[in-house]
Amino acid sequence: MLSQSEAADFELICIIVDFGLGSKVIQTAKKCGMPGGTVLLGKGTIKNRLLEFLALSDVRKEIVLMVCDKERVHQSLEKLNEKFKFSKPNHGIAFTTSVGHIIGARSCKSDNIKEGRGAETIMYHAITVIVEKGNAEYVIDAAAEAGSKGGTIINARGSGIHETSKVFAMAIEPEKEIVLILSEKESTDAIIDSIRKKINIDEPGNGIIFIQDVNKTYGLYK
């Protein structure tokens, strides 16, 4: 198992782009030395009256996840930003978070690790909320009331020991929704409090929230 100083030099890239661009992001990243990645399907939330009137406010998104050493991650992000223009509005969002340990990734070998890492100023948080299917919109609404600009919803499946139901004597695991919200550090507490009150998340079975520090971002606008 890696030491804390070693582990801190690996990072996870999360890139949220329009549907159909996920594979192109991974192809470009591979040319920069990244080992590959995973593409998830989700939908973005846009608060726009015209789009809501036209029933186009839910936009399909692809979420790309990639892990590698910090140096290669940052080099890849620079190239990806040049190609996909994350710095322009509505061209996507990219951010990185620290990774504790990596197991099973042959491309992330110890010779890629650099000892030591100075403290970084954290300006944003990644808030992840896991709730029952159908409750994601309530999470988005609660976050917006506290100043959030929106989020991304991902479909998932739960496997909690108390969360299975039976249909015709067959155990069915309930569907879940994952809401990913990026917030400025100063706004995180207010957003979390609003979500907790809106969906009573402290009650058993109502959901889980966890927060990660964001190290580097592209495509975020106030």
Foldseek 3Di string as FASTA:
>chain_A
DDDQQQQQQKKKKKKKAAPPCQVVLQVLLVVLPFPGWDKFKWWWAAPDVVCVVVVNRTGIIIIIIGMEGNVSVVVSVVRSCVVQVLQDARSIKMFMFGGRDDDPDPSHDSVSTDGDDDDADFFKKKKKKKFFPPCVVLLQVLLVVLPFRIWIKGKAWDDDPPQWDDDPNDTDTGIMIMTITMDTPVSVVSSVVSNCVRQVCVPPRGIDMDMTTIRDMGNDDD
